[in-house]
Amino acid sequence: MISAYVGEGETTDDTLLTFGGYGVVRVPRLQVLLRYICEHGFEHHTAMSLSRTAAAISEAFGKYLGWDVYLHQ
């Protein structure tokens, strides 16, 4: 079975001294999300979209693809 988690946040203008694809995101209740990620064995890599579509993605993954999805709010 495929498992996923989705949620929403906002990008910030923080400057980072690094390379590659990076960014800083403010996520509400981040500690709750991190606990879920760790307790369920997810890897640390993520994907990001600049849209507000977490609920729709959660519904599509769960309802139409049959995935186990955690919608972080």
PDB file of N, CA and C in Angstrom:
ATOM      1  N   MET A   1       0.848  -1.186   0.000  1.00  0.00           N
ATOM      2  CA  MET A   1       0.000   0.000   0.000  1.00  0.00           C
ATOM      3  C   MET A   1       0.891   1.246   0.000  1.00  0.00           C
ATOM      4  N   ILE A   2       0.471   2.251  -0.721  1.00  0.00           N
ATOM      5  CA  ILE A   2       1.179   3.528  -0.749  1.00  0.00           C
ATOM      6  C   ILE A   2       0.590   4.434   0.322  1.00  0.00           C
ATOM      7  N   SER A   3       1.463   5.094   1.066  1.00  0.00           N
ATOM      8  CA  SER A   3       1.054   6.056   2.089  1.00  0.00           C
ATOM      9  C   SER A   3       1.621   7.423   1.754  1.00  0.00           C
ATOM     10  N   ALA A   4       0.900   8.466   2.143  1.00  0.00           N
ATOM     11  CA  ALA A   4       1.345   9.831   1.870  1.00  0.00           C
ATOM     12  C   ALA A   4       0.843  10.762   2.969  1.00  0.00           C
ATOM     13  N   TYR A   5       1.472  11.912   3.067  1.00  0.00           N
ATOM     14  CA  TYR A   5       0.947  12.971   3.912  1.00  0.00           C
ATOM     15  C   TYR A   5       0.962  14.254   3.100  1.00  0.00           C
ATOM     16  N   VAL A   6      -0.038  15.083   3.297  1.00  0.00           N
ATOM     17  CA  VAL A   6      -0.117  16.370   2.618  1.00  0.00           C
ATOM     18  C   VAL A   6      -0.525  17.428   3.634  1.00  0.00           C
ATOM     19  N   GLY A   7      -0.152  18.655   3.354  1.00  0.00           N
ATOM     20  CA  GLY A   7      -0.506  19.765   4.226  1.00  0.00           C
ATOM     21  C   GLY A   7      -0.201  21.067   3.520  1.00  0.00           C
ATOM     22  N   GLU A   8      -0.443  22.147   4.209  1.00  0.00           N
ATOM     23  CA  GLU A   8      -0.202  23.467   3.623  1.00  0.00           C
ATOM     24  C   GLU A   8       0.621  24.322   4.564  1.00  0.00           C
ATOM     25  N   GLY A   9       1.299  25.270   3.983  1.00  0.00           N
ATOM     26  CA  GLY A   9       2.123  26.217   4.731  1.00  0.00           C
ATOM     27  C   GLY A   9       2.312  27.452   3.871  1.00  0.00           C
ATOM     28  N   GLU A  10       3.344  28.201   4.195  1.00  0.00           N
ATOM     29  CA  GLU A  10       3.648  29.384   3.383  1.00  0.00           C
ATOM     30  C   GLU A  10       5.150  29.533   3.248  1.00  0.00           C
ATOM     31  N   THR A  11       5.593  29.974   2.076  1.00  0.00           N
ATOM     32  CA  THR A  11       7.015  30.195   1.866  1.00  0.00           C
ATOM     33  C   THR A  11       7.430  31.487   2.559  1.00  0.00           C
ATOM     34  N   THR A  12       8.700  31.545   2.929  1.00  0.00           N
ATOM     35  CA  THR A  12       9.241  32.752   3.556  1.00  0.00           C
ATOM     36  C   THR A  12      10.349  33.316   2.669  1.00  0.00           C
ATOM     37  N   ASP A  13      10.831  34.484   3.004  1.00  0.00           N
ATOM     38  CA  ASP A  13      11.917  35.117   2.251  1.00  0.00           C
ATOM     39  C   ASP A  13      13.271  34.909   2.923  1.00  0.00           C
ATOM     40  N   ASP A  14      13.384  33.920   3.804  1.00  0.00           N
ATOM     41  CA  ASP A  14      14.650  33.671   4.490  1.00  0.00           C
ATOM     42  C   ASP A  14      15.753  33.345   3.497  1.00  0.00           C
ATOM     43  N   THR A  15      16.945  33.889   3.737  1.00  0.00           N
ATOM     44  CA  THR A  15      18.102  33.647   2.892  1.00  0.00           C
ATOM     45  C   THR A  15      18.846  32.415   3.401  1.00  0.00           C
ATOM     46  N   LEU A  16      19.229  31.544   2.475  1.00  0.00           N
ATOM     47  CA  LEU A  16      19.998  30.354   2.825  1.00  0.00           C
ATOM     48  C   LEU A  16      21.294  30.346   2.031  1.00  0.00           C
ATOM     49  N   LEU A  17      22.376  29.966   2.670  1.00  0.00           N
ATOM     50  CA  LEU A  17      23.660  29.843   1.995  1.00  0.00           C
ATOM     51  C   LEU A  17      23.857  28.369   1.640  1.00  0.00           C
ATOM     52  N   THR A  18      23.249  27.953   0.546  1.00  0.00           N
ATOM     53  CA  THR A  18      23.317  26.567   0.108  1.00  0.00           C
ATOM     54  C   THR A  18      23.161  26.522  -1.406  1.00  0.00           C
ATOM     55  N   PHE A  19      22.994  25.364  -1.960  1.00  0.00           N
ATOM     56  CA  PHE A  19      22.852  25.213  -3.404  1.00  0.00           C
ATOM     57  C   PHE A  19      21.750  24.209  -3.690  1.00  0.00           C
ATOM     58  N   GLY A  20      21.365  24.100  -4.954  1.00  0.00           N
ATOM     59  CA  GLY A  20      20.325  23.148  -5.348  1.00  0.00           C
ATOM     60  C   GLY A  20      18.939  23.699  -5.108  1.00  0.00           C
ATOM     61  N   GLY A  21      17.965  22.820  -5.132  1.00  0.00           N
ATOM     62  CA  GLY A  21      16.577  23.214  -4.884  1.00  0.00           C
ATOM     63  C   GLY A  21      16.331  23.325  -3.393  1.00  0.00           C
ATOM     64  N   TYR A  22      15.975  24.483  -2.932  1.00  0.00           N
ATOM     65  CA  TYR A  22      15.772  24.695  -1.501  1.00  0.00           C
ATOM     66  C   TYR A  22      14.764  25.799  -1.272  1.00  0.00           C
ATOM     67  N   GLY A  23      14.295  25.895  -0.062  1.00  0.00           N
ATOM     68  CA  GLY A  23      13.386  26.957   0.333  1.00  0.00           C
ATOM     69  C   GLY A  23      13.053  26.808   1.799  1.00  0.00           C
ATOM     70  N   VAL A  24      12.469  27.835   2.355  1.00  0.00           N
ATOM     71  CA  VAL A  24      12.043  27.811   3.744  1.00  0.00           C
ATOM     72  C   VAL A  24      10.529  27.950   3.755  1.00  0.00           C
ATOM     73  N   VAL A  25       9.871  27.069   4.485  1.00  0.00           N
ATOM     74  CA  VAL A  25       8.417  27.049   4.543  1.00  0.00           C
ATOM     75  C   VAL A  25       7.980  27.072   5.997  1.00  0.00           C
ATOM     76  N   ARG A  26       6.994  27.878   6.289  1.00  0.00           N
ATOM     77  CA  ARG A  26       6.386  27.916   7.629  1.00  0.00           C
ATOM     78  C   ARG A  26       5.167  26.996   7.594  1.00  0.00           C
ATOM     79  N   VAL A  27       5.180  25.969   8.453  1.00  0.00           N
ATOM     80  CA  VAL A  27       4.100  24.985   8.501  1.00  0.00           C
ATOM     81  C   VAL A  27       3.427  25.057   9.869  1.00  0.00           C
ATOM     82  N   PRO A  28       2.126  25.319   9.914  1.00  0.00           N
ATOM     83  CA  PRO A  28       1.418  25.337  11.201  1.00  0.00           C
ATOM     84  C   PRO A  28       1.520  23.971  11.888  1.00  0.00           C
ATOM     85  N   ARG A  29       1.718  23.993  13.207  1.00  0.00           N
ATOM     86  CA  ARG A  29       1.786  22.766  14.004  1.00  0.00           C
ATOM     87  C   ARG A  29       2.842  21.809  13.461  1.00  0.00           C
ATOM     88  N   LEU A  30       4.013  22.345  13.131  1.00  0.00           N
ATOM     89  CA  LEU A  30       5.082  21.550  12.527  1.00  0.00           C
ATOM     90  C   LEU A  30       5.491  20.369  13.411  1.00  0.00           C
ATOM     91  N   GLN A  31       5.547  20.552  14.714  1.00  0.00           N
ATOM     92  CA  GLN A  31       5.955  19.448  15.590  1.00  0.00           C
ATOM     93  C   GLN A  31       5.000  18.262  15.485  1.00  0.00           C
ATOM     94  N   VAL A  32       3.705  18.539  15.344  1.00  0.00           N
ATOM     95  CA  VAL A  32       2.721  17.464  15.170  1.00  0.00           C
ATOM     96  C   VAL A  32       2.997  16.706  13.872  1.00  0.00           C
ATOM     97  N   LEU A  33       3.255  17.449  12.803  1.00  0.00           N
ATOM     98  CA  LEU A  33       3.551  16.821  11.513  1.00  0.00           C
ATOM     99  C   LEU A  33       4.844  16.017  11.589  1.00  0.00           C
ATOM    100  N   LEU A  34       5.889  16.561  12.196  1.00  0.00           N
ATOM    101  CA  LEU A  34       7.162  15.845  12.305  1.00  0.00           C
ATOM    102  C   LEU A  34       7.007  14.553  13.103  1.00  0.00           C
ATOM    103  N   ARG A  35       6.204  14.589  14.150  1.00  0.00           N
ATOM    104  CA  ARG A  35       5.959  13.372  14.932  1.00  0.00           C
ATOM    105  C   ARG A  35       5.298  12.312  14.046  1.00  0.00           C
ATOM    106  N   TYR A  36       4.297  12.728  13.269  1.00  0.00           N
ATOM    107  CA  TYR A  36       3.612  11.790  12.370  1.00  0.00           C
ATOM    108  C   TYR A  36       4.606  11.194  11.367  1.00  0.00           C
ATOM    109  N   ILE A  37       5.428  12.054  10.770  1.00  0.00           N
ATOM    110  CA  ILE A  37       6.408  11.603   9.776  1.00  0.00           C
ATOM    111  C   ILE A  37       7.354  10.576  10.384  1.00  0.00           C
ATOM    112  N   CYS A  38       7.873  10.853  11.563  1.00  0.00           N
ATOM    113  CA  CYS A  38       8.820   9.945  12.216  1.00  0.00           C
ATOM    114  C   CYS A  38       8.156   8.648  12.660  1.00  0.00           C
ATOM    115  N   GLU A  39       6.981   8.743  13.247  1.00  0.00           N
ATOM    116  CA  GLU A  39       6.305   7.544  13.753  1.00  0.00           C
ATOM    117  C   GLU A  39       5.824   6.617  12.646  1.00  0.00           C
ATOM    118  N   HIS A  40       5.668   7.148  11.437  1.00  0.00           N
ATOM    119  CA  HIS A  40       5.171   6.323  10.334  1.00  0.00           C
ATOM    120  C   HIS A  40       6.256   5.995   9.301  1.00  0.00           C
ATOM    121  N   GLY A  41       7.504   6.298   9.618  1.00  0.00           N
ATOM    122  CA  GLY A  41       8.634   5.865   8.799  1.00  0.00           C
ATOM    123  C   GLY A  41       8.818   6.550   7.465  1.00  0.00           C
ATOM    124  N   PHE A  42       8.326   7.772   7.320  1.00  0.00           N
ATOM    125  CA  PHE A  42       8.506   8.493   6.058  1.00  0.00           C
ATOM    126  C   PHE A  42       9.945   8.983   5.919  1.00  0.00           C
ATOM    127  N   GLU A  43      10.416   9.073   4.700  1.00  0.00           N
ATOM    128  CA  GLU A  43      11.711   9.675   4.411  1.00  0.00           C
ATOM    129  C   GLU A  43      11.607  11.190   4.567  1.00  0.00           C
ATOM    130  N   HIS A  44      12.733  11.881   4.581  1.00  0.00           N
ATOM    131  CA  HIS A  44      12.708  13.315   4.823  1.00  0.00           C
ATOM    132  C   HIS A  44      12.520  14.153   3.563  1.00  0.00           C
ATOM    133  N   HIS A  45      12.501  13.546   2.395  1.00  0.00           N
ATOM    134  CA  HIS A  45      12.334  14.321   1.167  1.00  0.00           C
ATOM    135  C   HIS A  45      10.866  14.700   0.970  1.00  0.00           C
ATOM    136  N   THR A  46      10.648  15.882   0.413  1.00  0.00           N
ATOM    137  CA  THR A  46       9.288  16.356   0.194  1.00  0.00           C
ATOM    138  C   THR A  46       9.166  16.968  -1.201  1.00  0.00           C
ATOM    139  N   ALA A  47       7.943  17.246  -1.584  1.00  0.00           N
ATOM    140  CA  ALA A  47       7.660  17.985  -2.817  1.00  0.00           C
ATOM    141  C   ALA A  47       6.792  19.168  -2.423  1.00  0.00           C
ATOM    142  N   MET A  48       6.872  20.248  -3.180  1.00  0.00           N
ATOM    143  CA  MET A  48       6.154  21.455  -2.817  1.00  0.00           C
ATOM    144  C   MET A  48       5.484  22.068  -4.041  1.00  0.00           C
ATOM    145  N   SER A  49       4.315  22.622  -3.820  1.00  0.00           N
ATOM    146  CA  SER A  49       3.591  23.357  -4.847  1.00  0.00           C
ATOM    147  C   SER A  49       3.213  24.707  -4.234  1.00  0.00           C
ATOM    148  N   LEU A  50       3.148  25.728  -5.028  1.00  0.00           N
ATOM    149  CA  LEU A  50       2.782  27.048  -4.512  1.00  0.00           C
ATOM    150  C   LEU A  50       1.272  27.263  -4.496  1.00  0.00           C
ATOM    151  N   SER A  51       0.495  26.192  -4.602  1.00  0.00           N
ATOM    152  CA  SER A  51      -0.964  26.286  -4.592  1.00  0.00           C
ATOM    153  C   SER A  51      -1.524  25.812  -3.252  1.00  0.00           C
ATOM    154  N   ARG A  52      -2.780  26.111  -3.017  1.00  0.00           N
ATOM    155  CA  ARG A  52      -3.492  25.653  -1.813  1.00  0.00           C
ATOM    156  C   ARG A  52      -4.394  24.490  -2.216  1.00  0.00           C
ATOM    157  N   THR A  53      -3.819  23.295  -2.318  1.00  0.00           N
ATOM    158  CA  THR A  53      -4.559  22.158  -2.860  1.00  0.00           C
ATOM    159  C   THR A  53      -4.473  20.897  -1.994  1.00  0.00           C
ATOM    160  N   ALA A  54      -4.056  21.024  -0.749  1.00  0.00           N
ATOM    161  CA  ALA A  54      -3.853  19.842   0.105  1.00  0.00           C
ATOM    162  C   ALA A  54      -5.121  19.008   0.236  1.00  0.00           C
ATOM    163  N   ALA A  55      -6.258  19.635   0.458  1.00  0.00           N
ATOM    164  CA  ALA A  55      -7.504  18.881   0.631  1.00  0.00           C
ATOM    165  C   ALA A  55      -7.874  18.124  -0.643  1.00  0.00           C
ATOM    166  N   ALA A  56      -7.719  18.764  -1.790  1.00  0.00           N
ATOM    167  CA  ALA A  56      -8.045  18.108  -3.061  1.00  0.00           C
ATOM    168  C   ALA A  56      -7.078  16.956  -3.351  1.00  0.00           C
ATOM    169  N   ILE A  57      -5.806  17.157  -3.068  1.00  0.00           N
ATOM    170  CA  ILE A  57      -4.823  16.099  -3.283  1.00  0.00           C
ATOM    171  C   ILE A  57      -5.097  14.928  -2.346  1.00  0.00           C
ATOM    172  N   SER A  58      -5.398  15.234  -1.091  1.00  0.00           N
ATOM    173  CA  SER A  58      -5.722  14.195  -0.123  1.00  0.00           C
ATOM    174  C   SER A  58      -6.924  13.377  -0.592  1.00  0.00           C
ATOM    175  N   GLU A  59      -7.958  14.056  -1.062  1.00  0.00           N
ATOM    176  CA  GLU A  59      -9.145  13.358  -1.552  1.00  0.00           C
ATOM    177  C   GLU A  59      -8.820  12.492  -2.763  1.00  0.00           C
ATOM    178  N   ALA A  60      -8.063  13.029  -3.696  1.00  0.00           N
ATOM    179  CA  ALA A  60      -7.728  12.269  -4.905  1.00  0.00           C
ATOM    180  C   ALA A  60      -6.894  11.039  -4.571  1.00  0.00           C
ATOM    181  N   PHE A  61      -5.865  11.201  -3.736  1.00  0.00           N
ATOM    182  CA  PHE A  61      -5.018  10.068  -3.359  1.00  0.00           C
ATOM    183  C   PHE A  61      -5.816   9.006  -2.610  1.00  0.00           C
ATOM    184  N   GLY A  62      -6.632   9.439  -1.667  1.00  0.00           N
ATOM    185  CA  GLY A  62      -7.375   8.497  -0.833  1.00  0.00           C
ATOM    186  C   GLY A  62      -8.572   7.875  -1.523  1.00  0.00           C
ATOM    187  N   LYS A  63      -9.408   8.720  -2.093  1.00  0.00           N
ATOM    188  CA  LYS A  63     -10.673   8.252  -2.665  1.00  0.00           C
ATOM    189  C   LYS A  63     -10.502   7.553  -4.012  1.00  0.00           C
ATOM    190  N   TYR A  64      -9.668   8.117  -4.862  1.00  0.00           N
ATOM    191  CA  TYR A  64      -9.569   7.596  -6.219  1.00  0.00           C
ATOM    192  C   TYR A  64      -8.399   6.641  -6.442  1.00  0.00           C
ATOM    193  N   LEU A  65      -7.334   6.793  -5.655  1.00  0.00           N
ATOM    194  CA  LEU A  65      -6.185   5.901  -5.812  1.00  0.00           C
ATOM    195  C   LEU A  65      -6.090   4.860  -4.695  1.00  0.00           C
ATOM    196  N   GLY A  66      -6.884   5.051  -3.633  1.00  0.00           N
ATOM    197  CA  GLY A  66      -6.891   4.090  -2.540  1.00  0.00           C
ATOM    198  C   GLY A  66      -5.696   4.160  -1.614  1.00  0.00           C
ATOM    199  N   TRP A  67      -4.970   5.289  -1.637  1.00  0.00           N
ATOM    200  CA  TRP A  67      -3.802   5.449  -0.772  1.00  0.00           C
ATOM    201  C   TRP A  67      -4.227   5.772   0.654  1.00  0.00           C
ATOM    202  N   ASP A  68      -3.352   5.453   1.596  1.00  0.00           N
ATOM    203  CA  ASP A  68      -3.519   5.858   2.991  1.00  0.00           C
ATOM    204  C   ASP A  68      -2.923   7.260   3.113  1.00  0.00           C
ATOM    205  N   VAL A  69      -3.755   8.275   3.375  1.00  0.00           N
ATOM    206  CA  VAL A  69      -3.305   9.663   3.351  1.00  0.00           C
ATOM    207  C   VAL A  69      -3.585  10.357   4.674  1.00  0.00           C
ATOM    208  N   TYR A  70      -2.570  11.063   5.196  1.00  0.00           N
ATOM    209  CA  TYR A  70      -2.731  11.922   6.370  1.00  0.00           C
ATOM    210  C   TYR A  70      -2.797  13.363   5.869  1.00  0.00           C
ATOM    211  N   LEU A  71      -3.896  14.047   6.161  1.00  0.00           N
ATOM    212  CA  LEU A  71      -4.046  15.457   5.802  1.00  0.00           C
ATOM    213  C   LEU A  71      -3.710  16.286   7.037  1.00  0.00           C
ATOM    214  N   HIS A  72      -2.545  16.915   7.020  1.00  0.00           N
ATOM    215  CA  HIS A  72      -2.107  17.741   8.150  1.00  0.00           C
ATOM    216  C   HIS A  72      -2.808  19.080   8.114  1.00  0.00           C
ATOM    217  N   GLN A  73      -3.417  19.442   9.255  1.00  0.00           N
ATOM    218  CA  GLN A  73      -4.119  20.732   9.341  1.00  0.00           C
ATOM    219  C   GLN A  73      -3.703  21.476  10.568  1.00  0.00           C
TER     220      GLN A  73
END
